[in-house]
PDB file of N, CA and C in Angstrom:
ATOM      1  N   UNK A   1       2.244   2.210  -8.685  1.00  0.00           N
ATOM      2  CA  UNK A   1       1.890   1.670  -7.413  1.00  0.00           C
ATOM      3  C   UNK A   1       2.736   0.429  -7.181  1.00  0.00           C
ATOM      4  N   UNK A   2       3.224   0.277  -5.953  1.00  0.00           N
ATOM      5  CA  UNK A   2       3.962  -0.929  -5.595  1.00  0.00           C
ATOM      6  C   UNK A   2       3.358  -1.512  -4.327  1.00  0.00           C
ATOM      7  N   UNK A   3       3.323  -2.827  -4.265  1.00  0.00           N
ATOM      8  CA  UNK A   3       2.849  -3.541  -3.089  1.00  0.00           C
ATOM      9  C   UNK A   3       3.834  -4.660  -2.819  1.00  0.00           C
ATOM     10  N   UNK A   4       4.460  -4.603  -1.654  1.00  0.00           N
ATOM     11  CA  UNK A   4       5.435  -5.617  -1.270  1.00  0.00           C
ATOM     12  C   UNK A   4       4.924  -6.281   0.013  1.00  0.00           C
ATOM     13  N   UNK A   5       4.755  -7.616  -0.030  1.00  0.00           N
ATOM     14  CA  UNK A   5       4.280  -8.371   1.124  1.00  0.00           C
ATOM     15  C   UNK A   5       5.297  -9.461   1.417  1.00  0.00           C
ATOM     16  N   UNK A   6       5.770  -9.507   2.677  1.00  0.00           N
ATOM     17  CA  UNK A   6       6.722 -10.526   3.099  1.00  0.00           C
ATOM     18  C   UNK A   6       6.067 -11.362   4.197  1.00  0.00           C
ATOM     19  N   UNK A   7       5.702 -12.614   3.883  1.00  0.00           N
ATOM     20  CA  UNK A   7       5.048 -13.462   4.881  1.00  0.00           C
ATOM     21  C   UNK A   7       6.051 -14.287   5.686  1.00  0.00           C
ATOM     22  N   UNK A   8       5.696 -14.593   6.933  1.00  0.00           N
ATOM     23  CA  UNK A   8       6.454 -15.510   7.772  1.00  0.00           C
ATOM     24  C   UNK A   8       5.454 -16.366   8.534  1.00  0.00           C
ATOM     25  N   UNK A   9       5.696 -17.667   8.587  1.00  0.00           N
ATOM     26  CA  UNK A   9       4.832 -18.580   9.327  1.00  0.00           C
ATOM     27  C   UNK A   9       5.642 -19.163  10.475  1.00  0.00           C
ATOM     28  N   UNK A  10       5.113 -19.036  11.688  1.00  0.00           N
ATOM     29  CA  UNK A  10       5.838 -19.518  12.863  1.00  0.00           C
ATOM     30  C   UNK A  10       5.438 -20.958  13.190  1.00  0.00           C
ATOM     31  N   UNK A  11       6.120 -21.548  14.169  1.00  0.00           N
ATOM     32  CA  UNK A  11       5.877 -22.940  14.554  1.00  0.00           C
ATOM     33  C   UNK A  11       4.458 -23.144  15.086  1.00  0.00           C
ATOM     34  N   UNK A  12       3.881 -22.130  15.733  1.00  0.00           N
ATOM     35  CA  UNK A  12       2.511 -22.257  16.254  1.00  0.00           C
ATOM     36  C   UNK A  12       1.453 -21.926  15.197  1.00  0.00           C
ATOM     37  N   UNK A  13       1.861 -21.866  13.941  1.00  0.00           N
ATOM     38  CA  UNK A  13       1.008 -21.607  12.773  1.00  0.00           C
ATOM     39  C   UNK A  13       0.425 -20.192  12.740  1.00  0.00           C
ATOM     40  N   UNK A  14       1.009 -19.262  13.478  1.00  0.00           N
ATOM     41  CA  UNK A  14       0.586 -17.872  13.321  1.00  0.00           C
ATOM     42  C   UNK A  14       1.325 -17.300  12.112  1.00  0.00           C
ATOM     43  N   UNK A  15       0.690 -16.352  11.440  1.00  0.00           N
ATOM     44  CA  UNK A  15       1.229 -15.764  10.216  1.00  0.00           C
ATOM     45  C   UNK A  15       1.578 -14.302  10.493  1.00  0.00           C
ATOM     46  N   UNK A  16       2.758 -13.899  10.088  1.00  0.00           N
ATOM     47  CA  UNK A  16       3.195 -12.523  10.209  1.00  0.00           C
ATOM     48  C   UNK A  16       3.401 -11.967   8.798  1.00  0.00           C
ATOM     49  N   UNK A  17       2.745 -10.853   8.488  1.00  0.00           N
ATOM     50  CA  UNK A  17       2.887 -10.209   7.179  1.00  0.00           C
ATOM     51  C   UNK A  17       3.494  -8.826   7.367  1.00  0.00           C
ATOM     52  N   UNK A  18       4.617  -8.566   6.701  1.00  0.00           N
ATOM     53  CA  UNK A  18       5.177  -7.226   6.618  1.00  0.00           C
ATOM     54  C   UNK A  18       4.689  -6.647   5.298  1.00  0.00           C
ATOM     55  N   UNK A  19       3.968  -5.533   5.354  1.00  0.00           N
ATOM     56  CA  UNK A  19       3.339  -4.954   4.162  1.00  0.00           C
ATOM     57  C   UNK A  19       3.888  -3.554   3.936  1.00  0.00           C
ATOM     58  N   UNK A  20       4.336  -3.311   2.705  1.00  0.00           N
ATOM     59  CA  UNK A  20       4.862  -2.013   2.289  1.00  0.00           C
ATOM     60  C   UNK A  20       4.149  -1.630   0.991  1.00  0.00           C
ATOM     61  N   UNK A  21       3.275  -0.640   1.060  1.00  0.00           N
ATOM     62  CA  UNK A  21       2.515  -0.201  -0.109  1.00  0.00           C
ATOM     63  C   UNK A  21       2.819   1.265  -0.401  1.00  0.00           C
ATOM     64  N   UNK A  22       3.071   1.567  -1.670  1.00  0.00           N
ATOM     65  CA  UNK A  22       3.385   2.949  -2.068  1.00  0.00           C
ATOM     66  C   UNK A  22       2.644   3.297  -3.350  1.00  0.00           C
ATOM     67  N   UNK A  23       2.246   4.550  -3.435  1.00  0.00           N
ATOM     68  CA  UNK A  23       1.664   5.066  -4.671  1.00  0.00           C
ATOM     69  C   UNK A  23       2.318   6.413  -4.955  1.00  0.00           C
ATOM     70  N   UNK A  24       2.747   6.614  -6.195  1.00  0.00           N
ATOM     71  CA  UNK A  24       3.437   7.845  -6.591  1.00  0.00           C
ATOM     72  C   UNK A  24       2.758   8.454  -7.803  1.00  0.00           C
ATOM     73  N   UNK A  25       2.831   9.771  -7.894  1.00  0.00           N
ATOM     74  CA  UNK A  25       2.327  10.466  -9.082  1.00  0.00           C
ATOM     75  C   UNK A  25       3.197  11.696  -9.327  1.00  0.00           C
ATOM     76  N   UNK A  26       3.239  12.106 -10.569  1.00  0.00           N
ATOM     77  CA  UNK A  26       4.010  13.292 -10.940  1.00  0.00           C
ATOM     78  C   UNK A  26       3.057  14.469 -11.043  1.00  0.00           C
ATOM     79  N   UNK A  27       3.391  15.542 -10.356  1.00  0.00           N
ATOM     80  CA  UNK A  27       2.585  16.749 -10.342  1.00  0.00           C
ATOM     81  C   UNK A  27       3.134  17.734 -11.368  1.00  0.00           C
ATOM     82  N   UNK A  28       2.256  18.526 -11.936  1.00  0.00           N
ATOM     83  CA  UNK A  28       2.712  19.543 -12.879  1.00  0.00           C
ATOM     84  C   UNK A  28       3.396  20.675 -12.121  1.00  0.00           C
ATOM     85  N   UNK A  29       4.283  21.333 -12.773  1.00  0.00           N
ATOM     86  CA  UNK A  29       5.009  22.427 -12.150  1.00  0.00           C
ATOM     87  C   UNK A  29       6.331  21.938 -11.588  1.00  0.00           C
ATOM     88  N   UNK A  30       7.001  22.818 -10.863  1.00  0.00           N
ATOM     89  CA  UNK A  30       8.279  22.446 -10.276  1.00  0.00           C
ATOM     90  C   UNK A  30       8.320  22.896  -8.826  1.00  0.00           C
ATOM     91  N   UNK A  31       9.183  22.262  -8.037  1.00  0.00           N
ATOM     92  CA  UNK A  31       9.294  22.578  -6.622  1.00  0.00           C
ATOM     93  C   UNK A  31       9.966  23.933  -6.407  1.00  0.00           C
ATOM     94  N   UNK A  32      10.891  24.278  -7.290  1.00  0.00           N
ATOM     95  CA  UNK A  32      11.631  25.533  -7.173  1.00  0.00           C
ATOM     96  C   UNK A  32      11.446  26.322  -8.458  1.00  0.00           C
ATOM     97  N   UNK A  33      11.059  27.576  -8.318  1.00  0.00           N
ATOM     98  CA  UNK A  33      10.841  28.420  -9.496  1.00  0.00           C
ATOM     99  C   UNK A  33      12.148  28.581 -10.264  1.00  0.00           C
ATOM    100  N   UNK A  34      12.066  28.411 -11.576  1.00  0.00           N
ATOM    101  CA  UNK A  34      13.240  28.555 -12.430  1.00  0.00           C
ATOM    102  C   UNK A  34      13.971  27.254 -12.696  1.00  0.00           C
ATOM    103  N   UNK A  35      13.620  26.191 -11.965  1.00  0.00           N
ATOM    104  CA  UNK A  35      14.249  24.886 -12.192  1.00  0.00           C
ATOM    105  C   UNK A  35      13.201  23.966 -12.800  1.00  0.00           C
ATOM    106  N   UNK A  36      13.505  23.430 -13.954  1.00  0.00           N
ATOM    107  CA  UNK A  36      12.558  22.588 -14.683  1.00  0.00           C
ATOM    108  C   UNK A  36      12.713  21.125 -14.234  1.00  0.00           C
ATOM    109  N   UNK A  37      12.065  20.787 -13.134  1.00  0.00           N
ATOM    110  CA  UNK A  37      12.078  19.405 -12.658  1.00  0.00           C
ATOM    111  C   UNK A  37      10.696  19.060 -12.113  1.00  0.00           C
ATOM    112  N   UNK A  38      10.278  17.810 -12.268  1.00  0.00           N
ATOM    113  CA  UNK A  38       8.931  17.433 -11.814  1.00  0.00           C
ATOM    114  C   UNK A  38       8.849  17.319 -10.288  1.00  0.00           C
ATOM    115  N   UNK A  39       7.637  17.473  -9.779  1.00  0.00           N
ATOM    116  CA  UNK A  39       7.355  17.245  -8.368  1.00  0.00           C
ATOM    117  C   UNK A  39       6.718  15.864  -8.265  1.00  0.00           C
ATOM    118  N   UNK A  40       7.272  15.024  -7.419  1.00  0.00           N
ATOM    119  CA  UNK A  40       6.751  13.664  -7.264  1.00  0.00           C
ATOM    120  C   UNK A  40       6.025  13.588  -5.928  1.00  0.00           C
ATOM    121  N   UNK A  41       4.722  13.278  -5.999  1.00  0.00           N
ATOM    122  CA  UNK A  41       3.906  13.084  -4.801  1.00  0.00           C
ATOM    123  C   UNK A  41       3.932  11.602  -4.453  1.00  0.00           C
ATOM    124  N   UNK A  42       4.096  11.286  -3.169  1.00  0.00           N
ATOM    125  CA  UNK A  42       4.161   9.885  -2.767  1.00  0.00           C
ATOM    126  C   UNK A  42       3.401   9.665  -1.468  1.00  0.00           C
ATOM    127  N   UNK A  43       2.607   8.583  -1.434  1.00  0.00           N
ATOM    128  CA  UNK A  43       1.916   8.142  -0.220  1.00  0.00           C
ATOM    129  C   UNK A  43       2.384   6.720   0.061  1.00  0.00           C
ATOM    130  N   UNK A  44       2.530   6.397   1.344  1.00  0.00           N
ATOM    131  CA  UNK A  44       3.015   5.060   1.692  1.00  0.00           C
ATOM    132  C   UNK A  44       2.337   4.562   2.960  1.00  0.00           C
ATOM    133  N   UNK A  45       2.148   3.244   3.003  1.00  0.00           N
ATOM    134  CA  UNK A  45       1.661   2.563   4.190  1.00  0.00           C
ATOM    135  C   UNK A  45       2.623   1.423   4.463  1.00  0.00           C
ATOM    136  N   UNK A  46       3.176   1.398   5.673  1.00  0.00           N
ATOM    137  CA  UNK A  46       4.053   0.308   6.084  1.00  0.00           C
ATOM    138  C   UNK A  46       3.489  -0.244   7.383  1.00  0.00           C
ATOM    139  N   UNK A  47       3.186  -1.544   7.401  1.00  0.00           N
ATOM    140  CA  UNK A  47       2.591  -2.137   8.591  1.00  0.00           C
ATOM    141  C   UNK A  47       3.021  -3.587   8.740  1.00  0.00           C
ATOM    142  N   UNK A  48       2.801  -4.115   9.909  1.00  0.00           N
ATOM    143  CA  UNK A  48       3.137  -5.486  10.220  1.00  0.00           C
ATOM    144  C   UNK A  48       1.912  -6.119  10.871  1.00  0.00           C
ATOM    145  N   UNK A  49       1.399  -7.227  10.315  1.00  0.00           N
ATOM    146  CA  UNK A  49       0.222  -7.900  10.847  1.00  0.00           C
ATOM    147  C   UNK A  49       0.598  -9.295  11.329  1.00  0.00           C
ATOM    148  N   UNK A  50       0.084  -9.676  12.482  1.00  0.00           N
ATOM    149  CA  UNK A  50       0.254 -11.038  12.969  1.00  0.00           C
ATOM    150  C   UNK A  50      -1.125 -11.588  13.296  1.00  0.00           C
ATOM    151  N   UNK A  51      -1.429 -12.779  12.774  1.00  0.00           N
ATOM    152  CA  UNK A  51      -2.726 -13.391  13.015  1.00  0.00           C
ATOM    153  C   UNK A  51      -2.568 -14.910  13.027  1.00  0.00           C
ATOM    154  N   UNK A  52      -3.540 -15.584  13.608  1.00  0.00           N
ATOM    155  CA  UNK A  52      -3.493 -17.040  13.733  1.00  0.00           C
ATOM    156  C   UNK A  52      -4.046 -17.703  12.470  1.00  0.00           C
ATOM    157  N   UNK A  53      -3.662 -18.947  12.269  1.00  0.00           N
ATOM    158  CA  UNK A  53      -4.159 -19.739  11.151  1.00  0.00           C
ATOM    159  C   UNK A  53      -5.684 -19.779  11.188  1.00  0.00           C
ATOM    160  N   UNK A  54      -6.313 -19.628  10.030  1.00  0.00           N
ATOM    161  CA  UNK A  54      -7.773 -19.616   9.849  1.00  0.00           C
ATOM    162  C   UNK A  54      -8.452 -18.366  10.399  1.00  0.00           C
ATOM    163  N   UNK A  55      -7.702 -17.357  10.760  1.00  0.00           N
ATOM    164  CA  UNK A  55      -8.273 -16.095  11.223  1.00  0.00           C
ATOM    165  C   UNK A  55      -8.439 -15.158  10.037  1.00  0.00           C
ATOM    166  N   UNK A  56      -9.518 -14.395  10.013  1.00  0.00           N
ATOM    167  CA  UNK A  56      -9.797 -13.458   8.927  1.00  0.00           C
ATOM    168  C   UNK A  56      -9.194 -12.091   9.249  1.00  0.00           C
ATOM    169  N   UNK A  57      -8.532 -11.502   8.255  1.00  0.00           N
ATOM    170  CA  UNK A  57      -8.002 -10.147   8.402  1.00  0.00           C
ATOM    171  C   UNK A  57      -8.498  -9.287   7.251  1.00  0.00           C
ATOM    172  N   UNK A  58      -8.513  -7.995   7.467  1.00  0.00           N
ATOM    173  CA  UNK A  58      -8.919  -7.041   6.439  1.00  0.00           C
ATOM    174  C   UNK A  58      -8.074  -5.794   6.608  1.00  0.00           C
ATOM    175  N   UNK A  59      -7.477  -5.351   5.522  1.00  0.00           N
ATOM    176  CA  UNK A  59      -6.604  -4.177   5.567  1.00  0.00           C
ATOM    177  C   UNK A  59      -6.961  -3.264   4.408  1.00  0.00           C
ATOM    178  N   UNK A  60      -7.376  -2.046   4.712  1.00  0.00           N
ATOM    179  CA  UNK A  60      -7.623  -1.029   3.694  1.00  0.00           C
ATOM    180  C   UNK A  60      -6.392  -0.152   3.595  1.00  0.00           C
ATOM    181  N   UNK A  61      -6.211   0.508   2.474  1.00  0.00           N
ATOM    182  CA  UNK A  61      -4.945   1.217   2.324  1.00  0.00           C
ATOM    183  C   UNK A  61      -5.032   2.573   1.681  1.00  0.00           C
ATOM    184  N   UNK A  62      -4.235   2.766   0.681  1.00  0.00           N
ATOM    185  CA  UNK A  62      -4.023   4.067   0.064  1.00  0.00           C
ATOM    186  C   UNK A  62      -5.084   4.317  -1.005  1.00  0.00           C
ATOM    187  N   UNK A  63      -5.629   5.505  -0.987  1.00  0.00           N
ATOM    188  CA  UNK A  63      -6.554   5.923  -2.047  1.00  0.00           C
ATOM    189  C   UNK A  63      -5.959   7.157  -2.702  1.00  0.00           C
ATOM    190  N   UNK A  64      -5.856   7.148  -4.017  1.00  0.00           N
ATOM    191  CA  UNK A  64      -5.330   8.295  -4.733  1.00  0.00           C
ATOM    192  C   UNK A  64      -6.296   8.742  -5.811  1.00  0.00           C
ATOM    193  N   UNK A  65      -6.516  10.029  -5.905  1.00  0.00           N
ATOM    194  CA  UNK A  65      -7.410  10.572  -6.926  1.00  0.00           C
ATOM    195  C   UNK A  65      -6.658  11.654  -7.685  1.00  0.00           C
ATOM    196  N   UNK A  66      -6.623  11.534  -8.998  1.00  0.00           N
ATOM    197  CA  UNK A  66      -6.018  12.562  -9.839  1.00  0.00           C
ATOM    198  C   UNK A  66      -7.132  13.360 -10.474  1.00  0.00           C
ATOM    199  N   UNK A  67      -7.083  14.680 -10.309  1.00  0.00           N
ATOM    200  CA  UNK A  67      -8.166  15.549 -10.759  1.00  0.00           C
ATOM    201  C   UNK A  67      -8.404  15.470 -12.261  1.00  0.00           C
ATOM    202  N   UNK A  68      -7.336  15.541 -13.048  1.00  0.00           N
ATOM    203  CA  UNK A  68      -7.529  15.621 -14.495  1.00  0.00           C
ATOM    204  C   UNK A  68      -7.774  14.263 -15.142  1.00  0.00           C
ATOM    205  N   UNK A  69      -7.414  13.171 -14.514  1.00  0.00           N
ATOM    206  CA  UNK A  69      -7.606  11.848 -15.106  1.00  0.00           C
ATOM    207  C   UNK A  69      -8.727  11.066 -14.446  1.00  0.00           C
ATOM    208  N   UNK A  70      -9.223  11.529 -13.310  1.00  0.00           N
ATOM    209  CA  UNK A  70     -10.286  10.855 -12.558  1.00  0.00           C
ATOM    210  C   UNK A  70      -9.925   9.406 -12.260  1.00  0.00           C
ATOM    211  N   UNK A  71      -8.699   9.186 -11.836  1.00  0.00           N
ATOM    212  CA  UNK A  71      -8.210   7.839 -11.549  1.00  0.00           C
ATOM    213  C   UNK A  71      -8.260   7.595 -10.051  1.00  0.00           C
ATOM    214  N   UNK A  72      -8.815   6.444  -9.659  1.00  0.00           N
ATOM    215  CA  UNK A  72      -8.848   6.068  -8.260  1.00  0.00           C
ATOM    216  C   UNK A  72      -8.094   4.756  -8.085  1.00  0.00           C
ATOM    217  N   UNK A  73      -7.298   4.678  -7.031  1.00  0.00           N
ATOM    218  CA  UNK A  73      -6.518   3.482  -6.768  1.00  0.00           C
ATOM    219  C   UNK A  73      -6.680   3.105  -5.306  1.00  0.00           C
ATOM    220  N   UNK A  74      -6.965   1.837  -5.061  1.00  0.00           N
ATOM    221  CA  UNK A  74      -7.114   1.342  -3.701  1.00  0.00           C
ATOM    222  C   UNK A  74      -6.279   0.090  -3.542  1.00  0.00           C
ATOM    223  N   UNK A  75      -5.485   0.045  -2.487  1.00  0.00           N
ATOM    224  CA  UNK A  75      -4.755  -1.169  -2.158  1.00  0.00           C
ATOM    225  C   UNK A  75      -5.569  -1.890  -1.109  1.00  0.00           C
ATOM    226  N   UNK A  76      -5.824  -3.172  -1.335  1.00  0.00           N
ATOM    227  CA  UNK A  76      -6.732  -3.915  -0.479  1.00  0.00           C
ATOM    228  C   UNK A  76      -6.201  -5.317  -0.306  1.00  0.00           C
ATOM    229  N   UNK A  77      -6.136  -5.782   0.921  1.00  0.00           N
ATOM    230  CA  UNK A  77      -5.676  -7.128   1.207  1.00  0.00           C
ATOM    231  C   UNK A  77      -6.721  -7.802   2.075  1.00  0.00           C
ATOM    232  N   UNK A  78      -7.107  -9.017   1.708  1.00  0.00           N
ATOM    233  CA  UNK A  78      -8.121  -9.725   2.464  1.00  0.00           C
ATOM    234  C   UNK A  78      -7.762 -11.194   2.532  1.00  0.00           C
ATOM    235  N   UNK A  79      -8.044 -11.795   3.655  1.00  0.00           N
ATOM    236  CA  UNK A  79      -7.859 -13.234   3.813  1.00  0.00           C
ATOM    237  C   UNK A  79      -9.143 -13.779   4.420  1.00  0.00           C
ATOM    238  N   UNK A  80      -9.581 -14.938   3.958  1.00  0.00           N
ATOM    239  CA  UNK A  80     -10.806 -15.501   4.484  1.00  0.00           C
ATOM    240  C   UNK A  80     -10.522 -16.801   5.232  1.00  0.00           C
ATOM    241  N   UNK A  81     -11.408 -17.133   6.113  1.00  0.00           N
ATOM    242  CA  UNK A  81     -11.235 -18.313   6.939  1.00  0.00           C
ATOM    243  C   UNK A  81     -11.570 -19.563   6.131  1.00  0.00           C
ATOM    244  N   UNK A  82     -10.710 -20.571   6.228  1.00  0.00           N
ATOM    245  CA  UNK A  82     -10.946 -21.830   5.530  1.00  0.00           C
ATOM    246  C   UNK A  82     -11.906 -22.693   6.330  1.00  0.00           C
ATOM    247  N   UNK A  83     -12.727 -23.417   5.610  1.00  0.00           N
ATOM    248  CA  UNK A  83     -13.691 -24.311   6.280  1.00  0.00           C
ATOM    249  C   UNK A  83     -13.242 -25.749   6.208  1.00  0.00           C
TER     250      UNK A  83
END
């Protein structure tokens, strides 16, 4: 899993976040019969958020479940308002 966040703060104190989240897994079998190569499954979320200083944001993301390993993965980003 990769999570890349690029923040920018403007003169009016608004915050811009460029978010790139990816999750990859290797599947059993091959894409083409007779060729011994793995199949790579990939999910991605790419988004851009702009919000004001002291504003609360919530972003839910990618969920992946592998049948044989029972693994769950969630990408989650949260910001809370300062008092």
